[in-house]
N, C-alpha and C. Protein backbone atom coordinates (compact mmCIF):
# COMPACT_ATOMS: atom_id res chain seq x y z
N MET A 1 0.80 -1.13 -0.03
CA MET A 1 -0.07 -0.09 -0.02
C MET A 1 0.95 1.18 0.09
N ARG A 2 0.46 2.32 -0.83
CA ARG A 2 1.16 3.44 -0.83
C ARG A 2 1.03 4.20 0.63
N VAL A 3 2.14 4.94 1.06
CA VAL A 3 2.07 5.46 2.32
C VAL A 3 0.94 6.55 2.54
N GLU A 4 0.78 7.35 1.50
CA GLU A 4 -0.26 8.31 1.44
C GLU A 4 -1.69 7.70 1.50
N GLU A 5 -1.88 6.59 0.98
CA GLU A 5 -3.19 5.96 1.08
C GLU A 5 -3.29 5.30 2.53
N PHE A 6 -2.25 4.85 2.99
CA PHE A 6 -2.30 4.37 4.43
C PHE A 6 -2.62 5.37 5.34
N LYS A 7 -2.00 6.47 5.15
CA LYS A 7 -2.30 7.65 6.10
C LYS A 7 -3.85 8.10 5.91
N LEU A 8 -4.28 8.17 4.76
CA LEU A 8 -5.64 8.57 4.64
C LEU A 8 -6.74 7.64 5.01
N SER A 9 -6.41 6.36 4.91
CA SER A 9 -7.39 5.38 5.27
C SER A 9 -7.17 4.91 6.72
N THR A 10 -6.13 3.88 6.90
CA THR A 10 -5.96 3.31 8.14
C THR A 10 -5.57 4.22 9.23
N LEU A 11 -4.63 5.11 9.11
CA LEU A 11 -4.26 5.94 10.13
C LEU A 11 -5.25 7.12 10.43
N ALA A 12 -5.91 7.53 9.44
CA ALA A 12 -6.94 8.65 9.64
C ALA A 12 -8.10 8.01 10.48
N ALA A 13 -8.45 6.64 10.20
CA ALA A 13 -9.39 6.11 10.94
C ALA A 13 -8.99 5.89 12.51
N LEU A 14 -7.76 5.57 12.65
CA LEU A 14 -7.22 5.23 14.01
C LEU A 14 -7.17 6.65 14.76
N GLU A 15 -6.82 7.69 14.03
CA GLU A 15 -6.80 9.08 14.73
C GLU A 15 -8.21 9.55 15.03
N LYS A 16 -9.22 9.16 14.26
CA LYS A 16 -10.58 9.61 14.49
C LYS A 16 -11.17 8.94 15.75
N ILE A 17 -10.83 7.83 16.00
CA ILE A 17 -11.25 7.08 17.27
C ILE A 17 -10.33 7.26 18.31
N ASN A 18 -9.26 8.03 18.10
CA ASN A 18 -8.44 8.43 19.31
C ASN A 18 -7.51 7.15 19.77
N LEU A 19 -7.25 6.20 18.81
CA LEU A 19 -6.52 5.07 19.13
C LEU A 19 -5.00 5.11 18.41
N ASP A 20 -4.10 5.29 19.19
CA ASP A 20 -2.70 5.38 18.67
C ASP A 20 -2.13 4.08 18.46
N PRO A 21 -1.42 3.90 17.36
CA PRO A 21 -0.69 2.54 17.10
C PRO A 21 0.47 2.40 17.92
N VAL A 22 0.80 1.14 18.19
CA VAL A 22 2.24 0.85 18.95
C VAL A 22 3.25 0.66 17.98
N PHE A 23 4.44 1.31 18.28
CA PHE A 23 5.62 1.19 17.32
C PHE A 23 6.37 0.02 17.83
N ASP A 24 6.55 -0.95 17.10
CA ASP A 24 7.35 -2.26 17.55
C ASP A 24 8.64 -2.23 16.63
N TYR A 25 9.75 -2.02 17.33
CA TYR A 25 11.05 -2.14 16.72
C TYR A 25 11.85 -3.24 17.06
N SER A 26 11.20 -4.39 17.54
CA SER A 26 11.86 -5.57 17.93
C SER A 26 12.73 -6.35 16.92
N GLN A 27 12.37 -5.97 15.51
CA GLN A 27 13.04 -6.73 14.45
C GLN A 27 14.28 -5.98 13.99
N ALA A 28 14.53 -4.76 14.54
CA ALA A 28 15.68 -4.00 14.04
C ALA A 28 16.89 -4.61 14.44
N ASP A 29 18.10 -4.15 13.88
CA ASP A 29 19.35 -4.71 14.35
C ASP A 29 19.55 -4.29 15.70
N GLY A 30 20.46 -5.04 16.34
CA GLY A 30 20.68 -5.00 17.75
C GLY A 30 21.31 -3.68 18.30
N GLU A 31 22.16 -3.02 17.48
CA GLU A 31 22.66 -1.57 17.83
C GLU A 31 21.50 -0.62 17.66
N ALA A 32 20.69 -0.79 16.74
CA ALA A 32 19.62 0.12 16.59
C ALA A 32 18.51 0.09 17.76
N ARG A 33 18.32 -1.16 18.13
CA ARG A 33 17.41 -1.28 19.21
C ARG A 33 17.96 -0.69 20.44
N LYS A 34 19.18 -0.86 20.67
CA LYS A 34 19.91 -0.21 21.91
C LYS A 34 19.79 1.22 21.86
N ILE A 35 19.96 1.84 20.74
CA ILE A 35 19.88 3.41 20.66
C ILE A 35 18.53 3.86 20.91
N ILE A 36 17.51 3.16 20.35
CA ILE A 36 16.05 3.57 20.55
C ILE A 36 15.69 3.42 22.03
N ALA A 37 16.16 2.37 22.68
CA ALA A 37 15.84 2.09 24.07
C ALA A 37 16.58 3.24 24.98
N GLN A 38 17.71 3.60 24.63
CA GLN A 38 18.41 4.70 25.43
C GLN A 38 17.76 5.93 25.20
N THR A 39 17.25 6.26 24.00
CA THR A 39 16.60 7.54 23.69
C THR A 39 15.40 7.77 24.31
N PHE A 40 14.47 6.74 24.25
CA PHE A 40 13.13 6.81 24.72
C PHE A 40 13.19 6.24 26.24
N ASN A 41 13.57 7.05 27.13
CA ASN A 41 13.73 6.71 28.46
C ASN A 41 12.83 7.59 29.43
N ASN A 42 12.89 7.34 30.71
CA ASN A 42 12.09 8.09 31.66
C ASN A 42 12.49 9.57 31.60
N GLU A 43 13.70 9.87 31.32
CA GLU A 43 14.18 11.31 31.32
C GLU A 43 13.43 12.13 30.28
N ASN A 44 13.22 11.45 29.10
CA ASN A 44 12.67 12.08 27.92
C ASN A 44 11.08 11.93 27.77
N GLN A 45 10.51 11.22 28.79
CA GLN A 45 9.08 11.05 28.86
C GLN A 45 8.46 12.43 29.12
N GLY A 46 7.50 12.79 28.33
CA GLY A 46 6.65 13.98 28.40
C GLY A 46 7.27 15.15 27.51
N LYS A 47 8.36 14.87 26.93
CA LYS A 47 8.84 15.93 26.09
C LYS A 47 8.26 15.69 24.64
N GLU A 48 8.26 16.89 23.89
CA GLU A 48 7.96 16.88 22.51
C GLU A 48 8.85 15.96 21.68
N LEU A 49 8.40 15.30 20.68
CA LEU A 49 9.15 14.37 19.91
C LEU A 49 10.22 15.13 19.13
N SER A 50 9.97 16.45 18.78
CA SER A 50 10.90 17.23 18.05
C SER A 50 12.08 17.57 18.95
N VAL A 51 11.95 17.47 20.31
CA VAL A 51 13.12 17.71 21.21
C VAL A 51 13.87 16.26 21.33
N VAL A 52 13.18 15.27 21.42
CA VAL A 52 13.80 13.89 21.48
C VAL A 52 14.44 13.43 20.23
N LEU A 53 13.84 13.62 19.12
CA LEU A 53 14.30 13.42 17.80
C LEU A 53 14.50 14.89 17.11
N SER A 54 15.66 15.25 17.10
CA SER A 54 15.86 16.68 16.48
C SER A 54 15.46 16.72 15.03
N ASN A 55 15.47 15.59 14.30
CA ASN A 55 15.19 15.51 12.86
C ASN A 55 13.74 15.37 12.41
N ILE A 56 12.90 15.36 13.41
CA ILE A 56 11.50 15.00 12.96
C ILE A 56 10.77 16.39 12.56
N LYS A 57 10.13 16.22 11.48
CA LYS A 57 9.35 17.29 10.96
C LYS A 57 7.86 17.04 11.25
N GLN A 58 7.36 17.51 12.36
CA GLN A 58 6.07 17.03 12.79
C GLN A 58 4.99 18.23 12.40
N SER A 59 3.85 17.86 11.96
CA SER A 59 2.76 18.67 11.64
C SER A 59 1.90 18.93 12.83
N ALA A 60 2.11 18.35 13.89
CA ALA A 60 1.29 18.52 15.06
C ALA A 60 2.20 18.37 16.25
N GLN A 61 1.73 18.82 17.40
CA GLN A 61 2.58 18.74 18.63
C GLN A 61 2.43 17.31 19.18
N LEU A 62 3.58 16.43 19.08
CA LEU A 62 3.54 15.16 19.48
C LEU A 62 4.45 15.14 20.78
N ILE A 63 3.94 14.40 21.76
CA ILE A 63 4.63 14.15 22.96
C ILE A 63 4.94 12.71 23.22
N TYR A 64 6.21 12.48 23.51
CA TYR A 64 6.54 11.02 23.84
C TYR A 64 6.08 10.62 25.30
N GLU A 65 5.29 9.73 25.29
CA GLU A 65 4.83 9.12 26.59
C GLU A 65 4.99 7.56 26.55
N LYS A 66 4.94 7.02 27.76
CA LYS A 66 5.19 5.48 27.69
C LYS A 66 3.89 4.71 27.30
N SER A 67 2.86 5.48 27.30
CA SER A 67 1.57 4.90 26.68
C SER A 67 0.88 5.84 26.05
N GLY A 68 0.05 5.39 25.09
CA GLY A 68 -0.81 6.39 24.36
C GLY A 68 -2.13 6.75 25.13
N VAL A 69 -3.26 6.89 24.30
CA VAL A 69 -4.48 7.24 24.97
C VAL A 69 -4.99 6.08 25.78
N PHE A 70 -4.83 4.87 25.30
CA PHE A 70 -5.20 3.75 26.02
C PHE A 70 -3.96 3.03 26.59
N ASP A 71 -4.28 2.21 27.59
CA ASP A 71 -3.18 1.30 28.17
C ASP A 71 -2.89 0.20 27.12
N HIS A 72 -1.79 0.28 26.28
CA HIS A 72 -1.49 -0.64 25.33
C HIS A 72 -0.77 -1.90 26.02
N GLY A 73 -0.31 -1.81 27.28
CA GLY A 73 0.40 -2.89 27.80
C GLY A 73 1.83 -2.86 27.06
N ILE A 74 2.48 -1.79 27.01
CA ILE A 74 3.75 -1.68 26.16
C ILE A 74 4.78 -2.65 26.78
N GLN A 75 5.47 -3.30 25.95
CA GLN A 75 6.41 -4.22 26.32
C GLN A 75 7.80 -3.83 25.84
N ASP A 76 8.89 -4.60 26.19
CA ASP A 76 10.19 -4.20 25.69
C ASP A 76 10.12 -4.11 24.21
N GLU A 77 11.01 -3.10 23.63
CA GLU A 77 11.10 -2.89 22.28
C GLU A 77 9.82 -2.49 21.55
N GLU A 78 9.04 -1.90 22.40
CA GLU A 78 7.77 -1.25 21.79
C GLU A 78 7.74 0.25 22.30
N LEU A 79 7.07 1.04 21.46
CA LEU A 79 6.90 2.58 21.85
C LEU A 79 5.47 2.86 21.74
N SER A 80 5.08 3.82 22.28
CA SER A 80 3.68 4.45 22.06
C SER A 80 3.77 5.94 22.34
N THR A 81 3.15 6.74 21.52
CA THR A 81 3.12 8.09 21.84
C THR A 81 1.69 8.68 21.91
N SER A 82 1.43 9.73 22.54
CA SER A 82 0.11 10.21 22.66
C SER A 82 -0.28 10.96 21.43
N LYS A 83 -1.42 10.80 20.90
CA LYS A 83 -2.15 11.36 19.74
C LYS A 83 -1.27 11.45 18.53
N VAL A 84 -0.47 10.38 18.28
CA VAL A 84 0.39 10.48 17.07
C VAL A 84 -0.35 10.41 15.83
N GLY A 85 -1.55 9.80 15.73
CA GLY A 85 -2.42 9.69 14.53
C GLY A 85 -1.64 9.55 13.17
N THR A 86 -2.04 10.40 12.33
CA THR A 86 -1.52 10.34 11.01
C THR A 86 -0.03 10.75 10.90
N ASN A 87 0.59 11.21 12.07
CA ASN A 87 2.03 11.52 11.99
C ASN A 87 2.84 10.32 12.31
N ALA A 88 2.22 9.24 12.22
CA ALA A 88 2.98 7.92 12.58
C ALA A 88 4.13 7.65 11.72
N ILE A 89 3.91 7.78 10.28
CA ILE A 89 4.88 7.56 9.38
C ILE A 89 6.03 8.60 9.45
N ASP A 90 5.77 9.84 9.55
CA ASP A 90 6.80 10.89 9.91
C ASP A 90 7.61 10.43 11.05
N PHE A 91 7.00 9.94 12.10
CA PHE A 91 7.74 9.39 13.39
C PHE A 91 8.72 8.32 13.01
N CYS A 92 8.10 7.46 12.17
CA CYS A 92 9.01 6.18 11.75
C CYS A 92 10.21 6.69 10.97
N LYS A 93 10.01 7.52 9.95
CA LYS A 93 11.11 8.09 9.13
C LYS A 93 12.05 8.75 10.07
N ALA A 94 11.61 9.69 10.89
CA ALA A 94 12.59 10.30 11.73
C ALA A 94 13.34 9.38 12.80
N LEU A 95 12.80 8.36 13.15
CA LEU A 95 13.27 7.45 14.03
C LEU A 95 14.44 6.62 13.35
N ILE A 96 14.10 6.12 12.09
CA ILE A 96 15.11 5.42 11.40
C ILE A 96 16.35 6.23 11.04
N HIS A 97 16.08 7.48 10.55
CA HIS A 97 17.10 8.29 10.28
C HIS A 97 17.87 8.73 11.42
N PHE A 98 17.28 8.88 12.59
CA PHE A 98 18.07 9.32 13.79
C PHE A 98 18.91 8.26 14.16
N VAL A 99 18.51 6.91 14.17
CA VAL A 99 19.35 5.83 14.57
C VAL A 99 20.60 5.67 13.57
N ARG A 100 20.19 5.80 12.24
CA ARG A 100 21.44 5.73 11.45
C ARG A 100 22.38 6.88 11.60
N GLU A 101 22.02 8.15 11.94
CA GLU A 101 22.79 9.15 12.27
C GLU A 101 23.79 8.83 13.37
N GLN A 102 23.15 8.25 14.47
CA GLN A 102 23.80 7.80 15.78
C GLN A 102 24.78 6.95 15.38
N LEU A 103 24.63 6.00 14.40
CA LEU A 103 25.57 4.95 14.01
C LEU A 103 26.38 5.34 12.90
N GLU A 104 26.25 6.56 12.47
CA GLU A 104 27.09 7.15 11.40
C GLU A 104 26.95 6.17 10.12
N ASP A 105 25.82 5.76 9.89
CA ASP A 105 25.67 4.80 8.69
C ASP A 105 24.51 5.34 7.71
N LEU A 106 24.16 6.58 7.87
CA LEU A 106 23.15 7.12 6.96
C LEU A 106 23.43 7.09 5.57
N GLU A 107 24.71 7.28 5.11
CA GLU A 107 25.05 7.09 3.69
C GLU A 107 24.89 5.61 3.06
N ARG A 108 25.42 4.79 3.88
CA ARG A 108 25.33 3.38 3.37
C ARG A 108 24.04 2.77 3.52
N GLN A 109 23.36 3.16 4.49
CA GLN A 109 22.01 2.62 4.88
C GLN A 109 22.03 1.13 5.02
N GLU A 110 23.07 0.62 5.68
CA GLU A 110 23.16 -0.80 5.70
C GLU A 110 22.38 -1.45 6.99
N ILE A 111 22.01 -0.47 7.89
CA ILE A 111 21.38 -0.94 9.23
C ILE A 111 19.85 -1.15 9.00
N PHE A 112 19.43 -2.34 9.26
CA PHE A 112 18.06 -2.81 9.08
C PHE A 112 17.24 -2.32 10.20
N ILE A 113 16.31 -1.40 9.95
CA ILE A 113 15.50 -0.80 11.00
C ILE A 113 14.08 -0.78 10.56
N PRO A 114 13.41 -1.93 10.53
CA PRO A 114 11.94 -1.95 10.20
C PRO A 114 11.22 -1.50 11.50
N ILE A 115 10.13 -0.68 11.28
CA ILE A 115 9.22 -0.38 12.38
C ILE A 115 7.82 -0.82 12.10
N ALA A 116 7.29 -1.58 12.90
CA ALA A 116 6.07 -2.12 12.67
C ALA A 116 4.96 -1.41 13.60
N LEU A 117 3.91 -0.85 12.93
CA LEU A 117 2.86 -0.26 13.59
C LEU A 117 1.72 -1.27 13.95
N LYS A 118 1.29 -1.34 15.25
CA LYS A 118 0.40 -2.32 15.53
C LYS A 118 -0.83 -1.59 16.25
N TRP A 119 -2.00 -2.20 15.80
CA TRP A 119 -3.25 -1.68 16.38
C TRP A 119 -4.20 -2.80 16.44
N HIS A 120 -5.49 -2.57 17.01
CA HIS A 120 -6.51 -3.63 17.25
C HIS A 120 -7.41 -3.74 16.12
N VAL A 121 -7.36 -4.62 15.15
CA VAL A 121 -6.28 -5.71 14.97
C VAL A 121 -5.62 -5.39 13.72
N GLY A 122 -4.37 -5.23 13.66
CA GLY A 122 -3.75 -4.95 12.38
C GLY A 122 -2.27 -4.74 12.62
N VAL A 123 -1.56 -4.69 11.55
CA VAL A 123 -0.15 -4.52 11.51
C VAL A 123 0.36 -3.97 10.21
N ALA A 124 1.33 -3.04 10.20
CA ALA A 124 1.90 -2.46 9.07
C ALA A 124 3.44 -2.32 9.28
N VAL A 125 4.10 -2.71 8.30
CA VAL A 125 5.66 -2.57 8.53
C VAL A 125 6.11 -1.59 7.67
N PHE A 126 6.83 -0.58 8.11
CA PHE A 126 7.52 0.51 7.42
C PHE A 126 8.96 0.34 7.47
N ILE A 127 9.67 0.31 6.43
CA ILE A 127 11.14 0.26 6.41
C ILE A 127 11.61 1.19 5.28
N LEU A 128 12.71 1.81 5.68
CA LEU A 128 13.32 2.94 4.86
C LEU A 128 14.74 2.48 4.64
N ASP A 129 15.07 1.78 3.45
CA ASP A 129 16.42 1.38 3.25
C ASP A 129 16.62 1.36 1.78
N SER A 130 17.69 0.74 1.24
CA SER A 130 18.08 0.77 -0.17
C SER A 130 17.13 0.19 -1.04
N SER A 131 16.27 -0.68 -0.50
CA SER A 131 15.31 -1.47 -1.32
C SER A 131 13.78 -0.93 -1.16
N ASN A 132 13.71 0.27 -0.39
CA ASN A 132 12.41 0.83 -0.10
C ASN A 132 12.64 2.36 -0.20
N ASP A 133 11.92 3.09 -0.98
CA ASP A 133 12.07 4.47 -1.03
C ASP A 133 11.26 5.25 0.00
N GLY A 134 10.51 4.58 0.87
CA GLY A 134 9.69 5.20 1.89
C GLY A 134 8.37 5.57 1.41
N ASN A 135 8.02 5.14 0.10
CA ASN A 135 6.72 5.49 -0.34
C ASN A 135 5.60 4.32 -0.14
N SER A 136 6.07 3.11 0.33
CA SER A 136 5.14 2.16 0.47
C SER A 136 5.21 1.45 1.84
N ILE A 137 4.24 0.73 2.22
CA ILE A 137 4.13 0.14 3.59
C ILE A 137 3.47 -1.18 3.35
N ILE A 138 3.74 -2.22 4.15
CA ILE A 138 3.15 -3.54 4.04
C ILE A 138 2.03 -3.55 5.16
N VAL A 139 0.77 -3.64 4.72
CA VAL A 139 -0.23 -3.58 5.78
C VAL A 139 -1.16 -4.82 5.66
N LEU A 140 -1.38 -5.48 6.81
CA LEU A 140 -2.14 -6.56 7.03
C LEU A 140 -3.26 -6.55 8.09
N GLU A 141 -4.38 -6.99 7.86
CA GLU A 141 -5.50 -7.09 8.87
C GLU A 141 -6.23 -8.44 8.60
N PRO A 142 -6.48 -9.10 9.70
CA PRO A 142 -7.24 -10.44 9.36
C PRO A 142 -8.75 -10.18 9.13
N SER A 143 -9.26 -10.95 8.19
CA SER A 143 -10.68 -10.79 7.87
C SER A 143 -11.50 -11.31 9.07
N ASP A 144 -12.72 -10.96 8.98
CA ASP A 144 -13.65 -11.34 10.08
C ASP A 144 -13.54 -12.87 10.39
N SER A 145 -13.51 -13.58 9.27
CA SER A 145 -13.63 -15.07 9.43
C SER A 145 -12.23 -15.58 9.85
N GLN A 146 -11.10 -14.99 9.58
CA GLN A 146 -9.77 -15.38 10.13
C GLN A 146 -9.74 -15.14 11.58
N TRP A 147 -10.23 -13.97 11.98
CA TRP A 147 -10.35 -13.54 13.37
C TRP A 147 -11.13 -14.41 14.13
N ASP A 148 -12.26 -14.87 13.66
CA ASP A 148 -13.21 -15.82 14.27
C ASP A 148 -12.42 -17.23 14.45
N ASP A 149 -11.80 -17.55 13.41
CA ASP A 149 -11.06 -18.87 13.54
C ASP A 149 -9.89 -18.84 14.61
N LEU A 150 -9.33 -17.61 14.65
CA LEU A 150 -8.08 -17.49 15.67
C LEU A 150 -8.73 -17.69 17.15
N LEU A 151 -9.92 -17.00 17.31
CA LEU A 151 -10.55 -16.94 18.62
C LEU A 151 -11.10 -18.35 18.89
N THR A 152 -11.64 -19.03 17.88
CA THR A 152 -12.10 -20.51 18.04
C THR A 152 -11.01 -21.32 18.51
N GLU A 153 -9.87 -21.27 17.76
CA GLU A 153 -8.69 -22.06 17.95
C GLU A 153 -8.04 -21.94 19.38
N TYR A 154 -8.06 -20.53 19.84
CA TYR A 154 -7.56 -20.36 21.22
C TYR A 154 -8.61 -20.96 22.29
N LEU A 155 -9.83 -20.81 22.02
CA LEU A 155 -10.86 -21.36 22.87
C LEU A 155 -10.73 -22.69 23.04
N ASP A 156 -10.61 -23.41 21.97
CA ASP A 156 -10.46 -24.84 21.95
C ASP A 156 -9.24 -25.33 22.75
N GLN A 157 -8.17 -24.65 22.57
CA GLN A 157 -6.91 -24.84 23.27
C GLN A 157 -6.96 -24.78 24.79
N GLU A 158 -7.65 -23.53 25.14
CA GLU A 158 -7.86 -23.36 26.51
C GLU A 158 -8.79 -24.50 27.23
N TRP A 159 -9.84 -24.86 26.53
CA TRP A 159 -10.81 -25.84 26.94
C TRP A 159 -10.04 -27.12 27.11
N LYS A 160 -9.15 -27.49 26.28
CA LYS A 160 -8.50 -28.77 26.42
C LYS A 160 -7.47 -28.70 27.60
N GLU A 161 -6.66 -27.57 27.71
CA GLU A 161 -5.66 -27.45 28.60
C GLU A 161 -6.17 -27.28 30.13
N TRP A 162 -7.24 -26.58 30.33
CA TRP A 162 -7.77 -26.49 31.73
C TRP A 162 -9.24 -26.46 31.84
N GLY A 163 -9.96 -25.89 30.80
CA GLY A 163 -11.36 -25.66 30.97
C GLY A 163 -12.15 -27.04 31.28
N ALA A 164 -11.81 -28.16 30.56
CA ALA A 164 -12.48 -29.28 30.84
C ALA A 164 -12.41 -29.94 32.21
N ALA A 165 -11.22 -29.52 32.79
CA ALA A 165 -11.07 -30.05 34.19
C ALA A 165 -11.96 -29.33 35.15
N GLU A 166 -12.29 -28.02 34.86
CA GLU A 166 -12.94 -27.03 35.88
C GLU A 166 -14.52 -27.05 35.66
N TYR A 167 -14.86 -27.22 34.38
CA TYR A 167 -16.19 -27.12 33.96
C TYR A 167 -16.89 -28.45 33.52
N SER A 168 -18.06 -28.66 33.97
CA SER A 168 -18.77 -29.89 33.53
C SER A 168 -19.08 -29.88 31.95
N ASN A 169 -19.28 -28.74 31.52
CA ASN A 169 -19.60 -28.73 29.88
C ASN A 169 -18.91 -27.48 29.27
N LYS A 170 -18.81 -27.41 27.99
CA LYS A 170 -18.23 -26.33 27.40
C LYS A 170 -18.97 -25.08 27.38
N ASP A 171 -20.27 -25.17 27.46
CA ASP A 171 -21.28 -23.92 27.45
C ASP A 171 -21.00 -23.06 28.77
N ASP A 172 -20.93 -23.86 29.81
CA ASP A 172 -20.59 -23.05 31.04
C ASP A 172 -19.24 -22.39 31.11
N PHE A 173 -18.10 -23.15 30.41
CA PHE A 173 -16.93 -22.68 30.30
C PHE A 173 -16.91 -21.34 29.45
N MET A 174 -17.64 -21.26 28.28
CA MET A 174 -17.63 -20.21 27.48
C MET A 174 -18.39 -19.02 28.11
N ASP A 175 -19.48 -19.39 28.97
CA ASP A 175 -20.04 -18.26 29.73
C ASP A 175 -19.17 -17.52 30.65
N GLU A 176 -18.19 -18.13 31.25
CA GLU A 176 -17.34 -17.66 32.21
C GLU A 176 -15.95 -17.18 31.68
N PHE A 177 -15.76 -17.48 30.37
CA PHE A 177 -14.48 -17.22 29.69
C PHE A 177 -14.23 -15.73 29.67
N ASP A 178 -12.98 -15.39 29.78
CA ASP A 178 -12.39 -14.04 29.72
C ASP A 178 -12.19 -13.69 28.33
N TRP A 179 -13.16 -13.13 27.57
CA TRP A 179 -12.99 -12.93 26.10
C TRP A 179 -11.99 -11.78 25.85
N THR A 180 -11.88 -10.88 26.76
CA THR A 180 -10.91 -9.83 26.46
C THR A 180 -9.57 -10.40 26.46
N ASP A 181 -9.24 -11.28 27.37
CA ASP A 181 -7.96 -11.88 27.56
C ASP A 181 -7.66 -12.63 26.25
N ALA A 182 -8.68 -13.42 25.71
CA ALA A 182 -8.57 -14.24 24.68
C ALA A 182 -8.17 -13.34 23.43
N GLU A 183 -8.86 -12.16 23.29
CA GLU A 183 -8.71 -11.29 22.07
C GLU A 183 -7.25 -10.78 22.15
N VAL A 184 -6.82 -10.38 23.33
CA VAL A 184 -5.35 -9.86 23.53
C VAL A 184 -4.48 -10.88 23.10
N ASN A 185 -4.51 -12.04 23.56
CA ASN A 185 -3.54 -13.09 23.27
C ASN A 185 -3.64 -13.51 21.77
N CYS A 186 -4.79 -13.56 21.23
CA CYS A 186 -4.89 -13.86 19.72
C CYS A 186 -4.24 -12.70 18.90
N ARG A 187 -4.54 -11.48 19.35
CA ARG A 187 -3.90 -10.38 18.60
C ARG A 187 -2.45 -10.34 18.65
N ASP A 188 -1.89 -10.48 19.78
CA ASP A 188 -0.42 -10.50 20.03
C ASP A 188 0.25 -11.59 19.26
N ALA A 189 -0.36 -12.76 19.32
CA ALA A 189 0.28 -13.92 18.66
C ALA A 189 0.06 -13.74 17.04
N TRP A 190 -1.01 -13.20 16.59
CA TRP A 190 -1.18 -13.01 15.18
C TRP A 190 -0.16 -11.92 14.70
N GLN A 191 -0.06 -10.91 15.43
CA GLN A 191 0.81 -9.75 15.02
C GLN A 191 2.25 -10.13 14.90
N ALA A 192 2.55 -10.97 16.01
CA ALA A 192 4.09 -11.44 16.07
C ALA A 192 4.30 -12.24 14.81
N GLU A 193 3.42 -13.19 14.48
CA GLU A 193 3.54 -14.10 13.42
C GLU A 193 3.67 -13.39 12.13
N GLU A 194 2.87 -12.33 11.85
CA GLU A 194 2.78 -11.73 10.52
C GLU A 194 3.97 -10.73 10.47
N ILE A 195 4.45 -10.12 11.57
CA ILE A 195 5.64 -9.30 11.51
C ILE A 195 6.91 -10.18 11.14
N ASN A 196 6.97 -11.27 11.76
CA ASN A 196 8.06 -12.11 11.48
C ASN A 196 8.14 -12.64 10.01
N LYS A 197 6.99 -12.93 9.39
CA LYS A 197 6.88 -13.35 8.10
C LYS A 197 7.34 -12.15 7.08
N ILE A 198 6.92 -10.93 7.42
CA ILE A 198 7.21 -9.80 6.59
C ILE A 198 8.67 -9.55 6.66
N ILE A 199 9.23 -9.56 7.83
CA ILE A 199 10.68 -9.32 7.94
C ILE A 199 11.46 -10.31 7.31
N LYS A 200 11.11 -11.54 7.39
CA LYS A 200 11.87 -12.68 6.83
C LYS A 200 11.94 -12.47 5.20
N ASP A 201 10.70 -12.07 4.65
CA ASP A 201 10.65 -11.73 3.21
C ASP A 201 11.48 -10.59 2.82
N LEU A 202 11.51 -9.50 3.76
CA LEU A 202 12.37 -8.32 3.41
C LEU A 202 13.87 -8.63 3.44
N LYS A 203 14.21 -9.57 4.30
CA LYS A 203 15.71 -10.02 4.45
C LYS A 203 16.20 -10.79 3.34
N THR A 204 15.30 -11.47 2.68
CA THR A 204 15.64 -12.39 1.55
C THR A 204 15.88 -11.70 0.28
């Protein structure tokens, strides 16, 4: 998908409902991950991104926070900013360039720094290197039927592992089942799998 199309469709929709994507940089080279972790620290929390990343050209006031509007459950090698909305791609570009500058590798562009945007439920991988001019992005969202299949598979697994031992029948188990927890687990597993597939393809 073209970046501009992605901004006008997916990111615009996310911004409209006030839901910020999570930035996942776990697939970046080790040195790049180290620099990002050192940069986005407690000391820089609450600062404008233009202060944290001096090279960002932001069209709105963006603040770095450890979580966005909602509690994303941010994990290691993930970032979230408040109200980043359609500026997400600008942030990705600035972050990639910032890391390359720190590594003094901007000209060669040999450092692999993919940034994955994650939301409920979807994933997009943005990468700016010699094989990508920054105008396209890989976007994936499961269809309704795929999502239903993921939940059903997760439910069946939970039933076999512990539900059958605690409930006399599956209907009672399903009535008491924590569907929010199921959705989070399915989302995280699906996103991780899809990101790994995309990165593997990009590296070959």
